[in-house]
N, C-alpha and C. Protein backbone atom coordinates (compact mmCIF):
# COMPACT_ATOMS: atom_id res chain seq x y z
N MET A 1 6.74 -10.38 -19.84
CA MET A 1 6.12 -9.55 -18.83
C MET A 1 4.67 -9.31 -19.22
N SER A 2 3.81 -9.30 -18.26
CA SER A 2 2.41 -9.04 -18.52
C SER A 2 2.07 -7.68 -17.94
N ILE A 3 1.37 -6.89 -18.73
CA ILE A 3 1.05 -5.52 -18.33
C ILE A 3 -0.46 -5.33 -18.34
N TYR A 4 -0.96 -4.70 -17.28
CA TYR A 4 -2.36 -4.32 -17.20
C TYR A 4 -2.42 -2.80 -17.30
N LYS A 5 -3.22 -2.30 -18.22
CA LYS A 5 -3.37 -0.85 -18.43
C LYS A 5 -4.47 -0.34 -17.51
N SER A 6 -4.13 0.64 -16.66
CA SER A 6 -5.13 1.23 -15.76
C SER A 6 -5.14 2.74 -15.92
N ASN A 7 -6.12 3.38 -15.33
CA ASN A 7 -6.22 4.85 -15.37
C ASN A 7 -5.10 5.53 -14.61
N ILE A 8 -4.40 4.81 -13.77
CA ILE A 8 -3.32 5.41 -12.98
C ILE A 8 -1.96 4.85 -13.37
N GLY A 9 -1.88 4.31 -14.55
CA GLY A 9 -0.61 3.82 -15.06
C GLY A 9 -0.60 2.33 -15.29
N ASP A 10 0.44 1.89 -15.97
CA ASP A 10 0.60 0.46 -16.23
C ASP A 10 0.88 -0.28 -14.93
N ILE A 11 0.27 -1.46 -14.83
CA ILE A 11 0.49 -2.34 -13.68
C ILE A 11 1.15 -3.60 -14.23
N TYR A 12 2.27 -3.93 -13.66
CA TYR A 12 3.08 -5.05 -14.13
C TYR A 12 2.86 -6.27 -13.25
N LEU A 13 2.67 -7.40 -13.89
CA LEU A 13 2.40 -8.66 -13.20
C LEU A 13 3.62 -9.55 -13.31
N LYS A 14 3.95 -10.18 -12.21
CA LYS A 14 5.10 -11.07 -12.18
C LYS A 14 4.66 -12.40 -11.58
N ALA A 15 5.05 -13.49 -12.22
CA ALA A 15 4.65 -14.82 -11.75
C ALA A 15 5.85 -15.75 -11.76
N LYS A 16 5.73 -16.75 -10.91
CA LYS A 16 6.69 -17.84 -10.91
C LYS A 16 5.87 -19.11 -10.99
N ASP A 17 6.08 -19.85 -12.05
CA ASP A 17 5.24 -21.00 -12.35
C ASP A 17 3.80 -20.51 -12.46
N ASP A 18 2.88 -21.04 -11.67
CA ASP A 18 1.50 -20.58 -11.77
C ASP A 18 1.07 -19.86 -10.49
N VAL A 19 2.03 -19.11 -9.91
CA VAL A 19 1.77 -18.35 -8.69
C VAL A 19 2.15 -16.89 -8.93
N LEU A 20 1.23 -15.99 -8.61
CA LEU A 20 1.50 -14.57 -8.73
C LEU A 20 2.44 -14.15 -7.60
N ILE A 21 3.53 -13.47 -7.95
CA ILE A 21 4.48 -13.01 -6.92
C ILE A 21 4.70 -11.50 -6.98
N GLY A 22 4.07 -10.84 -7.95
CA GLY A 22 4.24 -9.40 -8.02
C GLY A 22 3.15 -8.70 -8.79
N ILE A 23 2.66 -7.60 -8.21
CA ILE A 23 1.81 -6.62 -8.89
C ILE A 23 2.43 -5.28 -8.53
N SER A 24 2.83 -4.53 -9.53
CA SER A 24 3.58 -3.32 -9.25
C SER A 24 3.35 -2.26 -10.32
N PHE A 25 3.55 -1.00 -9.93
CA PHE A 25 3.54 0.08 -10.90
C PHE A 25 4.93 0.26 -11.50
N ASN A 26 5.90 -0.50 -11.02
CA ASN A 26 7.26 -0.49 -11.58
C ASN A 26 7.44 -1.72 -12.43
N SER A 27 8.11 -1.57 -13.56
CA SER A 27 8.28 -2.72 -14.45
C SER A 27 9.29 -3.70 -13.88
N TYR A 28 9.12 -4.94 -14.25
CA TYR A 28 10.02 -6.02 -13.86
C TYR A 28 10.91 -6.35 -15.05
N ASN A 29 12.08 -6.80 -14.76
CA ASN A 29 13.00 -7.17 -15.83
C ASN A 29 12.95 -8.67 -16.09
N LEU A 30 11.84 -9.15 -16.54
CA LEU A 30 11.76 -10.55 -16.91
C LEU A 30 10.64 -10.77 -17.91
N GLU A 31 10.80 -11.83 -18.62
CA GLU A 31 9.80 -12.20 -19.62
C GLU A 31 8.66 -12.94 -18.94
N LEU A 32 7.47 -12.61 -19.33
CA LEU A 32 6.31 -13.34 -18.84
C LEU A 32 5.25 -13.29 -19.91
N LYS A 33 4.91 -14.44 -20.44
CA LYS A 33 3.88 -14.47 -21.46
C LYS A 33 2.51 -14.54 -20.80
N GLU A 34 1.51 -14.28 -21.58
CA GLU A 34 0.14 -14.36 -21.09
C GLU A 34 -0.20 -15.81 -20.77
N THR A 35 -0.75 -16.02 -19.62
CA THR A 35 -1.12 -17.36 -19.17
C THR A 35 -2.52 -17.31 -18.56
N SER A 36 -3.02 -18.46 -18.17
CA SER A 36 -4.32 -18.46 -17.49
C SER A 36 -4.21 -17.68 -16.17
N LEU A 37 -3.05 -17.73 -15.52
CA LEU A 37 -2.86 -16.96 -14.29
C LEU A 37 -2.96 -15.47 -14.56
N THR A 38 -2.21 -14.97 -15.55
CA THR A 38 -2.26 -13.53 -15.80
C THR A 38 -3.65 -13.10 -16.25
N ASN A 39 -4.35 -13.96 -16.97
CA ASN A 39 -5.73 -13.64 -17.36
C ASN A 39 -6.63 -13.52 -16.13
N LYS A 40 -6.46 -14.40 -15.14
CA LYS A 40 -7.25 -14.32 -13.91
C LYS A 40 -6.91 -13.06 -13.12
N VAL A 41 -5.64 -12.71 -13.07
CA VAL A 41 -5.24 -11.49 -12.35
C VAL A 41 -5.80 -10.25 -13.05
N LYS A 42 -5.76 -10.26 -14.37
CA LYS A 42 -6.31 -9.13 -15.11
C LYS A 42 -7.82 -9.02 -14.91
N GLN A 43 -8.51 -10.14 -14.80
CA GLN A 43 -9.95 -10.11 -14.51
C GLN A 43 -10.18 -9.54 -13.11
N TYR A 44 -9.34 -9.93 -12.16
CA TYR A 44 -9.40 -9.37 -10.80
C TYR A 44 -9.24 -7.84 -10.87
N LEU A 45 -8.25 -7.37 -11.62
CA LEU A 45 -8.01 -5.93 -11.73
C LEU A 45 -9.16 -5.24 -12.48
N ASP A 46 -9.70 -5.88 -13.51
CA ASP A 46 -10.88 -5.33 -14.20
C ASP A 46 -12.02 -5.10 -13.20
N ASP A 47 -12.29 -6.11 -12.39
CA ASP A 47 -13.36 -6.01 -11.40
C ASP A 47 -13.05 -4.92 -10.38
N TYR A 48 -11.81 -4.88 -9.93
CA TYR A 48 -11.41 -3.86 -8.94
C TYR A 48 -11.63 -2.46 -9.50
N PHE A 49 -11.15 -2.19 -10.71
CA PHE A 49 -11.27 -0.86 -11.29
C PHE A 49 -12.70 -0.56 -11.75
N ALA A 50 -13.55 -1.59 -11.83
CA ALA A 50 -14.97 -1.39 -12.12
C ALA A 50 -15.76 -1.16 -10.83
N LYS A 51 -15.05 -0.94 -9.74
CA LYS A 51 -15.63 -0.62 -8.42
C LYS A 51 -16.38 -1.80 -7.82
N LYS A 52 -15.88 -2.98 -8.08
CA LYS A 52 -16.43 -4.18 -7.46
C LYS A 52 -15.42 -4.69 -6.45
N ASN A 53 -15.87 -5.46 -5.52
CA ASN A 53 -14.96 -6.12 -4.58
C ASN A 53 -14.59 -7.46 -5.22
N PRO A 54 -13.45 -7.52 -5.87
CA PRO A 54 -13.13 -8.72 -6.66
C PRO A 54 -12.77 -9.92 -5.80
N LEU A 55 -13.05 -11.08 -6.37
CA LEU A 55 -12.68 -12.33 -5.71
C LEU A 55 -11.32 -12.79 -6.22
N ILE A 56 -10.54 -13.33 -5.31
CA ILE A 56 -9.23 -13.85 -5.67
C ILE A 56 -9.40 -15.32 -6.02
N ASN A 57 -9.19 -15.65 -7.28
CA ASN A 57 -9.33 -17.04 -7.73
C ASN A 57 -8.03 -17.53 -8.36
N PHE A 58 -6.92 -17.09 -7.77
CA PHE A 58 -5.60 -17.48 -8.25
C PHE A 58 -4.67 -17.57 -7.05
N LYS A 59 -3.57 -18.27 -7.25
CA LYS A 59 -2.58 -18.42 -6.19
C LYS A 59 -1.65 -17.22 -6.20
N TYR A 60 -1.26 -16.80 -5.00
CA TYR A 60 -0.26 -15.75 -4.89
C TYR A 60 0.61 -16.06 -3.68
N ASP A 61 1.81 -15.49 -3.68
CA ASP A 61 2.72 -15.75 -2.57
C ASP A 61 3.61 -14.54 -2.36
N LEU A 62 3.96 -14.33 -1.11
CA LEU A 62 4.89 -13.27 -0.73
C LEU A 62 6.28 -13.87 -0.66
N ILE A 63 7.02 -13.70 -1.72
CA ILE A 63 8.41 -14.15 -1.69
C ILE A 63 9.27 -12.89 -1.76
N ASP A 64 10.52 -13.04 -1.46
CA ASP A 64 11.44 -11.89 -1.47
C ASP A 64 11.05 -10.81 -0.47
N VAL A 65 10.39 -11.19 0.60
CA VAL A 65 10.15 -10.27 1.71
C VAL A 65 10.68 -10.92 2.98
N THR A 66 10.99 -10.10 3.95
CA THR A 66 11.49 -10.63 5.22
C THR A 66 10.34 -11.24 6.01
N PRO A 67 10.65 -12.06 7.02
CA PRO A 67 9.57 -12.60 7.86
C PRO A 67 8.74 -11.48 8.51
N PHE A 68 9.39 -10.41 8.93
CA PHE A 68 8.65 -9.29 9.53
C PHE A 68 7.72 -8.65 8.51
N GLN A 69 8.21 -8.39 7.31
CA GLN A 69 7.37 -7.80 6.27
C GLN A 69 6.18 -8.71 5.96
N LYS A 70 6.42 -10.00 5.95
CA LYS A 70 5.35 -10.96 5.67
C LYS A 70 4.27 -10.89 6.76
N ILE A 71 4.68 -10.77 8.02
CA ILE A 71 3.70 -10.65 9.12
C ILE A 71 2.87 -9.39 8.94
N VAL A 72 3.53 -8.28 8.64
CA VAL A 72 2.81 -7.00 8.47
C VAL A 72 1.84 -7.10 7.30
N LEU A 73 2.30 -7.58 6.17
CA LEU A 73 1.45 -7.65 4.98
C LEU A 73 0.29 -8.62 5.16
N ASN A 74 0.53 -9.78 5.77
CA ASN A 74 -0.55 -10.72 6.02
C ASN A 74 -1.55 -10.18 7.04
N THR A 75 -1.06 -9.49 8.05
CA THR A 75 -1.96 -8.88 9.04
C THR A 75 -2.86 -7.85 8.38
N LEU A 76 -2.30 -7.05 7.51
CA LEU A 76 -3.10 -6.07 6.77
C LEU A 76 -4.15 -6.78 5.93
N LYS A 77 -3.74 -7.77 5.16
CA LYS A 77 -4.66 -8.49 4.27
C LYS A 77 -5.80 -9.15 5.05
N GLU A 78 -5.47 -9.72 6.21
CA GLU A 78 -6.47 -10.44 7.00
C GLU A 78 -7.43 -9.51 7.75
N ASN A 79 -7.02 -8.29 8.04
CA ASN A 79 -7.79 -7.44 8.94
C ASN A 79 -8.44 -6.21 8.31
N VAL A 80 -8.03 -5.84 7.13
CA VAL A 80 -8.59 -4.63 6.51
C VAL A 80 -9.29 -5.04 5.22
N LYS A 81 -10.58 -4.98 5.28
CA LYS A 81 -11.39 -5.42 4.15
C LYS A 81 -11.61 -4.28 3.16
N TYR A 82 -12.18 -4.66 2.03
CA TYR A 82 -12.50 -3.71 0.96
C TYR A 82 -13.31 -2.54 1.53
N ARG A 83 -12.93 -1.33 1.17
CA ARG A 83 -13.58 -0.08 1.58
C ARG A 83 -13.28 0.31 3.03
N GLU A 84 -12.43 -0.42 3.71
CA GLU A 84 -12.03 -0.07 5.08
C GLU A 84 -10.64 0.54 5.06
N VAL A 85 -10.34 1.32 6.10
CA VAL A 85 -8.99 1.85 6.28
C VAL A 85 -8.54 1.55 7.71
N ILE A 86 -7.25 1.66 7.91
CA ILE A 86 -6.65 1.45 9.22
C ILE A 86 -5.49 2.44 9.34
N THR A 87 -5.18 2.86 10.54
CA THR A 87 -4.04 3.75 10.71
C THR A 87 -2.76 2.93 10.87
N TYR A 88 -1.65 3.57 10.62
CA TYR A 88 -0.36 2.90 10.82
C TYR A 88 -0.24 2.44 12.27
N LYS A 89 -0.69 3.27 13.20
CA LYS A 89 -0.62 2.93 14.62
C LYS A 89 -1.48 1.71 14.94
N GLU A 90 -2.70 1.67 14.42
CA GLU A 90 -3.59 0.52 14.66
C GLU A 90 -2.99 -0.76 14.08
N LEU A 91 -2.42 -0.65 12.89
CA LEU A 91 -1.81 -1.82 12.28
C LEU A 91 -0.59 -2.28 13.08
N ALA A 92 0.19 -1.32 13.58
CA ALA A 92 1.35 -1.67 14.41
C ALA A 92 0.91 -2.43 15.66
N LEU A 93 -0.20 -2.00 16.26
CA LEU A 93 -0.71 -2.70 17.45
C LEU A 93 -1.19 -4.11 17.10
N LEU A 94 -1.85 -4.27 15.97
CA LEU A 94 -2.29 -5.60 15.54
C LEU A 94 -1.10 -6.52 15.29
N VAL A 95 -0.09 -6.00 14.61
CA VAL A 95 1.10 -6.82 14.33
C VAL A 95 1.80 -7.17 15.63
N SER A 96 1.91 -6.22 16.55
CA SER A 96 2.55 -6.47 17.84
C SER A 96 1.87 -7.61 18.58
N SER A 97 0.54 -7.65 18.50
CA SER A 97 -0.21 -8.69 19.22
C SER A 97 0.03 -10.08 18.62
N LYS A 98 0.50 -10.15 17.38
CA LYS A 98 0.75 -11.44 16.74
C LYS A 98 2.17 -11.94 16.96
N ARG A 99 3.03 -11.07 17.42
CA ARG A 99 4.43 -11.46 17.61
C ARG A 99 4.57 -12.30 18.87
N LYS A 100 5.48 -13.23 18.84
CA LYS A 100 5.71 -14.10 20.00
C LYS A 100 6.17 -13.31 21.22
N ASP A 101 7.00 -12.29 20.98
CA ASP A 101 7.52 -11.51 22.10
C ASP A 101 6.56 -10.39 22.53
N ASN A 102 5.47 -10.19 21.78
CA ASN A 102 4.47 -9.17 22.07
C ASN A 102 5.07 -7.76 22.17
N LYS A 103 6.25 -7.59 21.62
CA LYS A 103 6.94 -6.31 21.67
C LYS A 103 6.19 -5.28 20.81
N LYS A 104 6.00 -4.08 21.37
CA LYS A 104 5.33 -3.02 20.63
C LYS A 104 6.19 -2.57 19.47
N LEU A 105 5.54 -2.33 18.36
CA LEU A 105 6.22 -1.87 17.16
C LEU A 105 5.91 -0.40 16.91
N SER A 106 6.82 0.27 16.28
CA SER A 106 6.55 1.65 15.89
C SER A 106 5.77 1.65 14.58
N PHE A 107 4.99 2.68 14.39
CA PHE A 107 4.26 2.78 13.13
C PHE A 107 5.23 2.99 11.97
N GLN A 108 6.41 3.55 12.25
CA GLN A 108 7.42 3.71 11.20
C GLN A 108 7.90 2.36 10.68
N ALA A 109 8.10 1.40 11.59
CA ALA A 109 8.54 0.06 11.18
C ALA A 109 7.48 -0.59 10.29
N VAL A 110 6.23 -0.41 10.64
CA VAL A 110 5.13 -0.94 9.83
C VAL A 110 5.13 -0.26 8.46
N GLY A 111 5.30 1.06 8.45
CA GLY A 111 5.34 1.79 7.19
C GLY A 111 6.46 1.32 6.28
N GLN A 112 7.61 1.05 6.86
CA GLN A 112 8.74 0.55 6.06
C GLN A 112 8.44 -0.83 5.48
N ALA A 113 7.78 -1.66 6.25
CA ALA A 113 7.40 -2.99 5.75
C ALA A 113 6.39 -2.87 4.61
N LEU A 114 5.42 -1.97 4.76
CA LEU A 114 4.42 -1.78 3.72
C LEU A 114 5.05 -1.25 2.43
N ASN A 115 6.10 -0.48 2.58
CA ASN A 115 6.80 0.08 1.42
C ASN A 115 7.39 -1.01 0.53
N LYS A 116 7.57 -2.20 1.07
CA LYS A 116 8.14 -3.32 0.31
C LYS A 116 7.08 -4.27 -0.22
N ASN A 117 5.83 -3.88 -0.16
CA ASN A 117 4.73 -4.72 -0.60
C ASN A 117 4.88 -5.09 -2.08
N PRO A 118 5.08 -6.38 -2.39
CA PRO A 118 5.23 -6.78 -3.78
C PRO A 118 3.89 -7.02 -4.50
N LEU A 119 2.77 -6.92 -3.77
CA LEU A 119 1.47 -7.23 -4.35
C LEU A 119 0.48 -6.09 -4.11
N VAL A 120 0.78 -4.92 -4.69
CA VAL A 120 -0.09 -3.77 -4.47
C VAL A 120 -1.50 -4.07 -4.97
N ILE A 121 -2.45 -3.39 -4.41
CA ILE A 121 -3.89 -3.55 -4.64
C ILE A 121 -4.37 -4.86 -4.02
N LEU A 122 -3.76 -5.98 -4.35
CA LEU A 122 -4.14 -7.27 -3.77
C LEU A 122 -3.93 -7.25 -2.26
N ILE A 123 -2.77 -6.80 -1.81
CA ILE A 123 -2.52 -6.55 -0.39
C ILE A 123 -2.58 -5.04 -0.25
N PRO A 124 -3.67 -4.52 0.31
CA PRO A 124 -4.05 -3.12 0.16
C PRO A 124 -3.32 -2.12 1.07
N CYS A 125 -2.03 -1.93 0.82
CA CYS A 125 -1.28 -0.98 1.65
C CYS A 125 -1.78 0.44 1.45
N HIS A 126 -2.51 0.70 0.37
CA HIS A 126 -3.09 2.03 0.17
C HIS A 126 -4.18 2.33 1.20
N ARG A 127 -4.67 1.32 1.91
CA ARG A 127 -5.72 1.52 2.90
C ARG A 127 -5.18 1.90 4.28
N VAL A 128 -3.89 2.10 4.39
CA VAL A 128 -3.28 2.48 5.67
C VAL A 128 -3.06 3.99 5.64
N ILE A 129 -3.61 4.67 6.66
CA ILE A 129 -3.58 6.13 6.70
C ILE A 129 -2.99 6.61 8.02
N GLY A 130 -2.76 7.91 8.10
CA GLY A 130 -2.23 8.50 9.33
C GLY A 130 -3.27 8.54 10.43
N SER A 131 -2.81 8.68 11.66
CA SER A 131 -3.72 8.74 12.81
C SER A 131 -4.68 9.92 12.72
N ASP A 132 -4.25 10.97 12.03
CA ASP A 132 -5.10 12.14 11.85
C ASP A 132 -6.00 12.00 10.61
N LYS A 133 -6.06 10.79 10.07
CA LYS A 133 -6.88 10.43 8.89
C LYS A 133 -6.33 11.01 7.59
N SER A 134 -5.12 11.54 7.63
CA SER A 134 -4.51 12.07 6.41
C SER A 134 -3.83 10.95 5.63
N LEU A 135 -3.63 11.21 4.35
CA LEU A 135 -2.95 10.24 3.50
C LEU A 135 -1.46 10.43 3.67
N LYS A 136 -0.82 9.39 4.13
CA LYS A 136 0.62 9.44 4.35
C LYS A 136 1.26 8.28 3.62
N GLY A 137 2.44 8.50 3.12
CA GLY A 137 3.28 7.47 2.54
C GLY A 137 2.61 6.44 1.67
N TYR A 138 3.06 6.35 0.46
CA TYR A 138 2.67 5.28 -0.46
C TYR A 138 3.80 5.19 -1.47
N ALA A 139 4.34 4.02 -1.63
CA ALA A 139 5.51 3.83 -2.48
C ALA A 139 5.30 4.36 -3.91
N TYR A 140 4.06 4.40 -4.35
CA TYR A 140 3.78 4.82 -5.73
C TYR A 140 3.13 6.20 -5.81
N GLY A 141 3.20 6.96 -4.72
CA GLY A 141 2.72 8.33 -4.72
C GLY A 141 1.35 8.50 -4.09
N ILE A 142 1.21 9.63 -3.42
CA ILE A 142 -0.05 9.95 -2.73
C ILE A 142 -1.20 10.07 -3.73
N ASP A 143 -0.94 10.56 -4.94
CA ASP A 143 -2.02 10.69 -5.93
C ASP A 143 -2.63 9.33 -6.25
N ARG A 144 -1.80 8.30 -6.38
CA ARG A 144 -2.34 6.96 -6.65
C ARG A 144 -3.08 6.43 -5.43
N LYS A 145 -2.55 6.67 -4.25
CA LYS A 145 -3.21 6.23 -3.02
C LYS A 145 -4.60 6.87 -2.94
N LYS A 146 -4.68 8.15 -3.17
CA LYS A 146 -5.96 8.86 -3.13
C LYS A 146 -6.92 8.30 -4.17
N TYR A 147 -6.41 8.06 -5.37
CA TYR A 147 -7.26 7.51 -6.43
C TYR A 147 -7.85 6.16 -6.00
N LEU A 148 -7.02 5.28 -5.46
CA LEU A 148 -7.49 3.95 -5.07
C LEU A 148 -8.51 4.04 -3.93
N LEU A 149 -8.26 4.89 -2.95
CA LEU A 149 -9.21 5.05 -1.85
C LEU A 149 -10.52 5.66 -2.34
N ASP A 150 -10.44 6.66 -3.21
CA ASP A 150 -11.65 7.27 -3.77
C ASP A 150 -12.43 6.25 -4.59
N LEU A 151 -11.72 5.43 -5.37
CA LEU A 151 -12.36 4.40 -6.17
C LEU A 151 -13.16 3.45 -5.28
N GLU A 152 -12.55 3.01 -4.20
CA GLU A 152 -13.21 2.07 -3.30
C GLU A 152 -14.38 2.73 -2.57
N SER A 153 -14.22 3.98 -2.16
CA SER A 153 -15.29 4.61 -1.40
C SER A 153 -16.49 4.94 -2.26
N SER A 154 -16.31 5.00 -3.57
CA SER A 154 -17.44 5.28 -4.47
C SER A 154 -18.02 4.01 -5.06
N SER A 155 -17.63 2.86 -4.51
CA SER A 155 -18.11 1.57 -5.03
C SER A 155 -19.59 1.39 -4.76
N ASN A 156 -20.15 0.49 -5.54
CA ASN A 156 -21.58 0.15 -5.40
C ASN A 156 -21.83 -0.57 -4.11
């Protein structure tokens, strides 16, 4: 297992072959030695916590998520850039527009999908807020969500 030490707790990295499949504040039950991939991910996290907009120079994949969760997570990644936020409702509307049936989604369904995000920080579910601009729901606690948003808003 590879661990990145941050100000808000240990961040655990999970890989399969040379593809990142997990960044989490929860530990994984598997062995992972340091590799060029984990070194690149740690550099990404170093840059992120140094208040830079880091570049992704490694492969990652969303495995172990449902097709719906994948749509939600990819929509978030594609549409919400560094230092930006989006509401659950706005994200639900974006995801709805990408679905073949164009069926409207509830913001609760989007929130549940975000709760399963296996690549925190990289896929920035912390950037999703309530319609009233309040901090709502984050699998790893509101304090971490606030820290990450404050970190990004104070960036250079």
